[in-house]
C-alpha cells in the first residue's frame, strides 16, 4: 500500500482498558494511516472500535483524539468527521434506501466515487428488507461514508469499520478495500477489524494483533 506522509497523530491510547474486554492498550494512530486489527473472536476488537468511536468510555487510561481527550468531543461534532460501521447491523425503519440515506446524511443520493465502488444508486428505491445480506452491507458502508463525505473530501475523515467485508463477495471486497486505500492517500484515517490476514497484508499500512 502506498501511504502519503501525514505527520499529525489522530488517536493516542495510553494504557487504555475497558472492564474485562480490553487491557492496557498503547497505540498511536496517525493521519492517513490504515489500521487493521486482527484477533480471535472475543479478543476485544469490536470493543476497541466502540472506544474509538466515543460510544464506550475507558475504565482506565487516556484516550485522546487530536490531542484532546475523546470524552471532551461532543458526539454531534464527532458525527461530522467520524463514522462507525457496527458489526451488528440493525434498522427499525423498513423504508426505501433513499429515505433512509437522507435520515442519516440529509441527502438521498450517493457520491459518484462511492457509487462506482459499491453500486448503490440502483438499489435506492428498494426497502432494506428487500436486499440480500451483501447488498445491505454495501448500503451500510455507503451510508457511513456519506455521513462524513464533506470531511472525507478535505482529507479529515475518520472511518471506523467493524469487519466491513465479512458479507461481501470477492468483487466488492476488492472494491471497498481499494476505495479505503484511496481515501487514506487523501489524508483520511481508516481503522477496521478483520479476520483475513491476507487482505490486511495487502491493504493496511499498520496491523494490530
C-alpha atoms as a PDB file:
ATOM      1  CA  UNK A   1       0.000   0.000   0.000  1.00  0.00           C
ATOM      2  CA  UNK A   2       1.317   3.460  -0.877  1.00  0.00           C
ATOM      3  CA  UNK A   3       0.889   5.807   2.076  1.00  0.00           C
ATOM      4  CA  UNK A   4       1.453   9.547   1.895  1.00  0.00           C
ATOM      5  CA  UNK A   5       3.280  11.265   4.749  1.00  0.00           C
ATOM      6  CA  UNK A   6       0.907  12.945   7.198  1.00  0.00           C
ATOM      7  CA  UNK A   7       2.819  13.614  10.444  1.00  0.00           C
ATOM      8  CA  UNK A   8      -0.028  14.518  12.808  1.00  0.00           C
ATOM      9  CA  UNK A   9      -1.361  11.993  15.326  1.00  0.00           C
ATOM     10  CA  UNK A  10      -5.097  11.337  15.282  1.00  0.00           C
ATOM     11  CA  UNK A  11      -5.559   8.873  18.153  1.00  0.00           C
ATOM     12  CA  UNK A  12      -3.400   8.365  21.220  1.00  0.00           C
ATOM     13  CA  UNK A  13      -4.158   5.465  23.561  1.00  0.00           C
ATOM     14  CA  UNK A  14      -2.154   5.209  26.773  1.00  0.00           C
ATOM     15  CA  UNK A  15      -2.788   2.148  28.973  1.00  0.00           C
ATOM     16  CA  UNK A  16      -6.422   2.073  27.841  1.00  0.00           C
ATOM     17  CA  UNK A  17      -8.560  -0.653  29.420  1.00  0.00           C
ATOM     18  CA  UNK A  18     -12.273  -1.448  29.255  1.00  0.00           C
ATOM     19  CA  UNK A  19     -13.586  -3.671  32.047  1.00  0.00           C
ATOM     20  CA  UNK A  20     -12.646  -7.277  31.218  1.00  0.00           C
ATOM     21  CA  UNK A  21     -12.638  -6.723  27.439  1.00  0.00           C
ATOM     22  CA  UNK A  22      -9.507  -4.658  26.778  1.00  0.00           C
ATOM     23  CA  UNK A  23      -6.365  -4.428  28.878  1.00  0.00           C
ATOM     24  CA  UNK A  24      -3.643  -1.758  28.761  1.00  0.00           C
ATOM     25  CA  UNK A  25      -3.652  -0.857  25.057  1.00  0.00           C
ATOM     26  CA  UNK A  26      -0.971   1.596  23.924  1.00  0.00           C
ATOM     27  CA  UNK A  27      -1.066   2.824  20.340  1.00  0.00           C
ATOM     28  CA  UNK A  28      -0.636   5.972  18.249  1.00  0.00           C
ATOM     29  CA  UNK A  29      -2.687   6.244  15.052  1.00  0.00           C
ATOM     30  CA  UNK A  30      -1.513   8.824  12.547  1.00  0.00           C
ATOM     31  CA  UNK A  31      -3.387  10.794   9.941  1.00  0.00           C
ATOM     32  CA  UNK A  32      -3.618   8.994   6.612  1.00  0.00           C
ATOM     33  CA  UNK A  33      -2.913   5.586   8.099  1.00  0.00           C
ATOM     34  CA  UNK A  34      -4.978   2.431   7.544  1.00  0.00           C
ATOM     35  CA  UNK A  35      -5.002   0.216  10.625  1.00  0.00           C
ATOM     36  CA  UNK A  36      -6.298  -3.349  10.618  1.00  0.00           C
ATOM     37  CA  UNK A  37      -6.883  -5.015  13.989  1.00  0.00           C
ATOM     38  CA  UNK A  38      -6.880  -8.815  13.886  1.00  0.00           C
ATOM     39  CA  UNK A  39      -7.522 -11.416  16.539  1.00  0.00           C
ATOM     40  CA  UNK A  40      -9.786 -14.305  17.530  1.00  0.00           C
ATOM     41  CA  UNK A  41     -13.440 -13.829  18.412  1.00  0.00           C
ATOM     42  CA  UNK A  42     -13.770 -12.225  21.828  1.00  0.00           C
ATOM     43  CA  UNK A  43     -10.316 -10.636  21.704  1.00  0.00           C
ATOM     44  CA  UNK A  44     -11.769  -7.130  22.090  1.00  0.00           C
ATOM     45  CA  UNK A  45     -11.596  -5.816  18.505  1.00  0.00           C
ATOM     46  CA  UNK A  46     -15.180  -4.545  18.433  1.00  0.00           C
ATOM     47  CA  UNK A  47     -14.834  -3.122  21.935  1.00  0.00           C
ATOM     48  CA  UNK A  48     -11.781  -1.170  20.809  1.00  0.00           C
ATOM     49  CA  UNK A  49     -13.759   0.391  17.957  1.00  0.00           C
ATOM     50  CA  UNK A  50     -16.560   1.312  20.379  1.00  0.00           C
ATOM     51  CA  UNK A  51     -13.966   3.154  22.455  1.00  0.00           C
ATOM     52  CA  UNK A  52     -12.501   4.932  19.425  1.00  0.00           C
ATOM     53  CA  UNK A  53     -15.993   5.933  18.289  1.00  0.00           C
ATOM     54  CA  UNK A  54     -16.705   7.540  21.656  1.00  0.00           C
ATOM     55  CA  UNK A  55     -19.588   5.173  22.386  1.00  0.00           C
ATOM     56  CA  UNK A  56     -17.792   3.423  25.262  1.00  0.00           C
ATOM     57  CA  UNK A  57     -15.603   5.160  27.855  1.00  0.00           C
ATOM     58  CA  UNK A  58     -12.321   3.633  29.076  1.00  0.00           C
ATOM     59  CA  UNK A  59     -12.370   2.336  32.617  1.00  0.00           C
ATOM     60  CA  UNK A  60      -8.649   3.095  32.804  1.00  0.00           C
ATOM     61  CA  UNK A  61      -6.068   5.032  30.821  1.00  0.00           C
ATOM     62  CA  UNK A  62      -6.120   8.019  28.492  1.00  0.00           C
ATOM     63  CA  UNK A  63      -7.754   8.119  25.050  1.00  0.00           C
ATOM     64  CA  UNK A  64      -7.140  11.261  23.022  1.00  0.00           C
ATOM     65  CA  UNK A  65      -8.389  12.429  19.643  1.00  0.00           C
ATOM     66  CA  UNK A  66      -6.359  15.246  18.094  1.00  0.00           C
ATOM     67  CA  UNK A  67      -4.519  15.730  21.404  1.00  0.00           C
ATOM     68  CA  UNK A  68      -7.770  16.285  23.325  1.00  0.00           C
ATOM     69  CA  UNK A  69      -9.420  13.631  25.461  1.00  0.00           C
ATOM     70  CA  UNK A  70     -12.073  11.947  23.355  1.00  0.00           C
ATOM     71  CA  UNK A  71     -14.728  12.417  26.049  1.00  0.00           C
ATOM     72  CA  UNK A  72     -14.433  16.195  25.573  1.00  0.00           C
ATOM     73  CA  UNK A  73     -15.503  15.966  21.906  1.00  0.00           C
ATOM     74  CA  UNK A  74     -19.311  16.381  21.621  1.00  0.00           C
ATOM     75  CA  UNK A  75     -20.949  13.478  19.774  1.00  0.00           C
ATOM     76  CA  UNK A  76     -22.672  15.924  17.394  1.00  0.00           C
ATOM     77  CA  UNK A  77     -19.272  17.287  16.425  1.00  0.00           C
ATOM     78  CA  UNK A  78     -17.763  13.808  16.072  1.00  0.00           C
ATOM     79  CA  UNK A  79     -20.601  12.783  13.749  1.00  0.00           C
ATOM     80  CA  UNK A  80     -19.367  15.293  11.158  1.00  0.00           C
ATOM     81  CA  UNK A  81     -15.906  13.778  10.859  1.00  0.00           C
ATOM     82  CA  UNK A  82     -16.182  10.259  12.334  1.00  0.00           C
ATOM     83  CA  UNK A  83     -18.317   7.397  11.033  1.00  0.00           C
ATOM     84  CA  UNK A  84     -18.652   3.995  12.648  1.00  0.00           C
ATOM     85  CA  UNK A  85     -19.906   0.822  10.984  1.00  0.00           C
ATOM     86  CA  UNK A  86     -21.052  -1.529  13.732  1.00  0.00           C
ATOM     87  CA  UNK A  87     -20.699  -5.272  13.231  1.00  0.00           C
ATOM     88  CA  UNK A  88     -24.286  -5.890  14.397  1.00  0.00           C
ATOM     89  CA  UNK A  89     -26.342  -4.026  11.796  1.00  0.00           C
ATOM     90  CA  UNK A  90     -29.986  -3.343  12.557  1.00  0.00           C
ATOM     91  CA  UNK A  91     -32.533  -0.830  11.329  1.00  0.00           C
ATOM     92  CA  UNK A  92     -36.015  -0.181  12.744  1.00  0.00           C
ATOM     93  CA  UNK A  93     -37.300   1.535   9.600  1.00  0.00           C
ATOM     94  CA  UNK A  94     -38.186  -0.578   6.559  1.00  0.00           C
ATOM     95  CA  UNK A  95     -38.321   2.330   4.120  1.00  0.00           C
ATOM     96  CA  UNK A  96     -36.684   2.941   0.724  1.00  0.00           C
ATOM     97  CA  UNK A  97     -32.922   3.298   0.956  1.00  0.00           C
ATOM     98  CA  UNK A  98     -33.090   6.848  -0.434  1.00  0.00           C
ATOM     99  CA  UNK A  99     -35.213   7.944   2.543  1.00  0.00           C
ATOM    100  CA  UNK A 100     -33.021   6.045   4.980  1.00  0.00           C
ATOM    101  CA  UNK A 101     -29.909   7.625   3.497  1.00  0.00           C
ATOM    102  CA  UNK A 102     -31.490  11.072   3.853  1.00  0.00           C
ATOM    103  CA  UNK A 103     -32.219  10.374   7.512  1.00  0.00           C
ATOM    104  CA  UNK A 104     -28.520   9.896   8.221  1.00  0.00           C
ATOM    105  CA  UNK A 105     -26.919  12.282   5.733  1.00  0.00           C
ATOM    106  CA  UNK A 106     -29.529  14.892   4.682  1.00  0.00           C
ATOM    107  CA  UNK A 107     -29.055  13.693   1.110  1.00  0.00           C
ATOM    108  CA  UNK A 108     -30.827  10.982  -0.870  1.00  0.00           C
ATOM    109  CA  UNK A 109     -28.020  10.484  -3.404  1.00  0.00           C
ATOM    110  CA  UNK A 110     -24.686   8.678  -3.265  1.00  0.00           C
ATOM    111  CA  UNK A 111     -21.484  10.457  -4.403  1.00  0.00           C
ATOM    112  CA  UNK A 112     -20.104   9.086  -7.641  1.00  0.00           C
ATOM    113  CA  UNK A 113     -16.876   7.800  -6.090  1.00  0.00           C
ATOM    114  CA  UNK A 114     -18.791   5.683  -3.572  1.00  0.00           C
ATOM    115  CA  UNK A 115     -21.312   4.504  -6.147  1.00  0.00           C
ATOM    116  CA  UNK A 116     -18.601   3.421  -8.568  1.00  0.00           C
ATOM    117  CA  UNK A 117     -17.292   1.132  -5.863  1.00  0.00           C
ATOM    118  CA  UNK A 118     -20.449  -0.125  -4.146  1.00  0.00           C
ATOM    119  CA  UNK A 119     -23.133   0.307  -6.850  1.00  0.00           C
ATOM    120  CA  UNK A 120     -25.848   1.548  -4.518  1.00  0.00           C
ATOM    121  CA  UNK A 121     -27.815   4.011  -6.673  1.00  0.00           C
ATOM    122  CA  UNK A 122     -29.700   1.244  -8.496  1.00  0.00           C
ATOM    123  CA  UNK A 123     -30.959  -0.042  -5.123  1.00  0.00           C
ATOM    124  CA  UNK A 124     -32.131   3.237  -3.589  1.00  0.00           C
ATOM    125  CA  UNK A 125     -35.804   2.660  -4.465  1.00  0.00           C
ATOM    126  CA  UNK A 126     -35.883  -0.618  -2.516  1.00  0.00           C
ATOM    127  CA  UNK A 127     -36.505  -1.108   1.213  1.00  0.00           C
ATOM    128  CA  UNK A 128     -33.702  -2.603   3.279  1.00  0.00           C
ATOM    129  CA  UNK A 129     -35.649  -5.838   3.815  1.00  0.00           C
ATOM    130  CA  UNK A 130     -35.651  -6.497   0.045  1.00  0.00           C
ATOM    131  CA  UNK A 131     -31.862  -6.622  -0.118  1.00  0.00           C
ATOM    132  CA  UNK A 132     -29.541  -9.573   0.287  1.00  0.00           C
ATOM    133  CA  UNK A 133     -27.067  -9.629   3.165  1.00  0.00           C
ATOM    134  CA  UNK A 134     -24.253  -8.438   0.920  1.00  0.00           C
ATOM    135  CA  UNK A 135     -26.365  -5.627  -0.541  1.00  0.00           C
ATOM    136  CA  UNK A 136     -27.291  -4.478   2.956  1.00  0.00           C
ATOM    137  CA  UNK A 137     -23.618  -4.472   3.922  1.00  0.00           C
ATOM    138  CA  UNK A 138     -22.748  -2.362   0.887  1.00  0.00           C
ATOM    139  CA  UNK A 139     -25.506   0.105   1.706  1.00  0.00           C
ATOM    140  CA  UNK A 140     -24.403   0.492   5.318  1.00  0.00           C
ATOM    141  CA  UNK A 141     -20.815   1.100   4.233  1.00  0.00           C
ATOM    142  CA  UNK A 142     -22.025   3.701   1.727  1.00  0.00           C
ATOM    143  CA  UNK A 143     -24.287   5.309   4.339  1.00  0.00           C
ATOM    144  CA  UNK A 144     -21.402   5.678   6.765  1.00  0.00           C
ATOM    145  CA  UNK A 145     -19.090   7.207   4.179  1.00  0.00           C
ATOM    146  CA  UNK A 146     -21.845   9.571   3.012  1.00  0.00           C
ATOM    147  CA  UNK A 147     -22.349  10.728   6.599  1.00  0.00           C
ATOM    148  CA  UNK A 148     -18.899  12.351   6.661  1.00  0.00           C
ATOM    149  CA  UNK A 149     -18.284  12.785   2.932  1.00  0.00           C
ATOM    150  CA  UNK A 150     -17.581  16.564   3.160  1.00  0.00           C
ATOM    151  CA  UNK A 151     -14.839  15.825   5.723  1.00  0.00           C
ATOM    152  CA  UNK A 152     -13.515  12.942   3.603  1.00  0.00           C
ATOM    153  CA  UNK A 153     -13.156  15.219   0.574  1.00  0.00           C
ATOM    154  CA  UNK A 154     -10.950  17.505   2.698  1.00  0.00           C
ATOM    155  CA  UNK A 155      -8.885  14.572   3.975  1.00  0.00           C
ATOM    156  CA  UNK A 156     -10.213  14.977   7.533  1.00  0.00           C
ATOM    157  CA  UNK A 157     -12.387  11.857   7.748  1.00  0.00           C
ATOM    158  CA  UNK A 158     -12.086   9.254  10.467  1.00  0.00           C
ATOM    159  CA  UNK A 159     -13.524   5.931   9.254  1.00  0.00           C
ATOM    160  CA  UNK A 160     -14.144   3.139  11.783  1.00  0.00           C
ATOM    161  CA  UNK A 161     -15.359  -0.167  10.348  1.00  0.00           C
ATOM    162  CA  UNK A 162     -16.085  -3.409  12.191  1.00  0.00           C
ATOM    163  CA  UNK A 163     -15.494  -6.309   9.750  1.00  0.00           C
ATOM    164  CA  UNK A 164     -16.758  -4.321   6.736  1.00  0.00           C
ATOM    165  CA  UNK A 165     -16.148  -7.035   4.132  1.00  0.00           C
ATOM    166  CA  UNK A 166     -17.468 -10.048   6.054  1.00  0.00           C
ATOM    167  CA  UNK A 167     -20.633 -10.446   3.912  1.00  0.00           C
ATOM    168  CA  UNK A 168     -19.242  -9.283   0.575  1.00  0.00           C
ATOM    169  CA  UNK A 169     -18.154 -11.353  -2.383  1.00  0.00           C
ATOM    170  CA  UNK A 170     -14.606 -11.020  -3.683  1.00  0.00           C
ATOM    171  CA  UNK A 171     -15.510  -8.345  -6.244  1.00  0.00           C
ATOM    172  CA  UNK A 172     -16.848  -5.954  -3.628  1.00  0.00           C
ATOM    173  CA  UNK A 173     -14.201  -6.877  -1.079  1.00  0.00           C
ATOM    174  CA  UNK A 174     -11.545  -5.696  -3.509  1.00  0.00           C
ATOM    175  CA  UNK A 175     -13.585  -2.638  -4.463  1.00  0.00           C
ATOM    176  CA  UNK A 176     -14.150  -1.413  -0.900  1.00  0.00           C
ATOM    177  CA  UNK A 177     -10.571  -2.096   0.173  1.00  0.00           C
ATOM    178  CA  UNK A 178      -9.307  -0.205  -2.860  1.00  0.00           C
ATOM    179  CA  UNK A 179     -11.621   2.707  -2.043  1.00  0.00           C
ATOM    180  CA  UNK A 180     -10.446   2.825   1.571  1.00  0.00           C
ATOM    181  CA  UNK A 181      -6.846   2.761   0.377  1.00  0.00           C
ATOM    182  CA  UNK A 182      -7.569   5.740  -1.876  1.00  0.00           C
ATOM    183  CA  UNK A 183      -9.262   7.650   0.953  1.00  0.00           C
ATOM    184  CA  UNK A 184      -6.206   7.158   3.161  1.00  0.00           C
ATOM    185  CA  UNK A 185      -3.988   8.551   0.428  1.00  0.00           C
ATOM    186  CA  UNK A 186      -6.120  11.718   0.591  1.00  0.00           C
ATOM    187  CA  UNK A 187      -5.277  12.054   4.292  1.00  0.00           C
ATOM    188  CA  UNK A 188      -8.253  10.289   5.845  1.00  0.00           C
ATOM    189  CA  UNK A 189      -7.698   7.699   8.580  1.00  0.00           C
ATOM    190  CA  UNK A 190      -9.191   4.200   8.477  1.00  0.00           C
ATOM    191  CA  UNK A 191      -9.357   1.799  11.413  1.00  0.00           C
ATOM    192  CA  UNK A 192     -11.057  -1.541  10.849  1.00  0.00           C
ATOM    193  CA  UNK A 193     -11.226  -5.067  12.197  1.00  0.00           C
ATOM    194  CA  UNK A 194     -10.559  -8.112  10.076  1.00  0.00           C
ATOM    195  CA  UNK A 195     -10.155 -11.880  10.213  1.00  0.00           C
ATOM    196  CA  UNK A 196      -8.323 -12.135   6.873  1.00  0.00           C
ATOM    197  CA  UNK A 197      -4.607 -11.622   7.349  1.00  0.00           C
ATOM    198  CA  UNK A 198      -4.003 -11.834   3.590  1.00  0.00           C
ATOM    199  CA  UNK A 199      -6.356  -8.890   2.941  1.00  0.00           C
ATOM    200  CA  UNK A 200      -4.756  -6.957   5.787  1.00  0.00           C
ATOM    201  CA  UNK A 201      -1.254  -7.670   4.499  1.00  0.00           C
ATOM    202  CA  UNK A 202      -2.197  -6.229   1.111  1.00  0.00           C
ATOM    203  CA  UNK A 203      -4.276  -3.201   2.054  1.00  0.00           C
ATOM    204  CA  UNK A 204      -3.250  -1.987   5.515  1.00  0.00           C
ATOM    205  CA  UNK A 205      -0.455   0.389   6.458  1.00  0.00           C
ATOM    206  CA  UNK A 206      -0.414  -0.893  10.056  1.00  0.00           C
ATOM    207  CA  UNK A 207      -1.629  -4.092  11.705  1.00  0.00           C
ATOM    208  CA  UNK A 208      -2.524  -4.563  15.372  1.00  0.00           C
ATOM    209  CA  UNK A 209      -2.722  -8.095  16.752  1.00  0.00           C
END
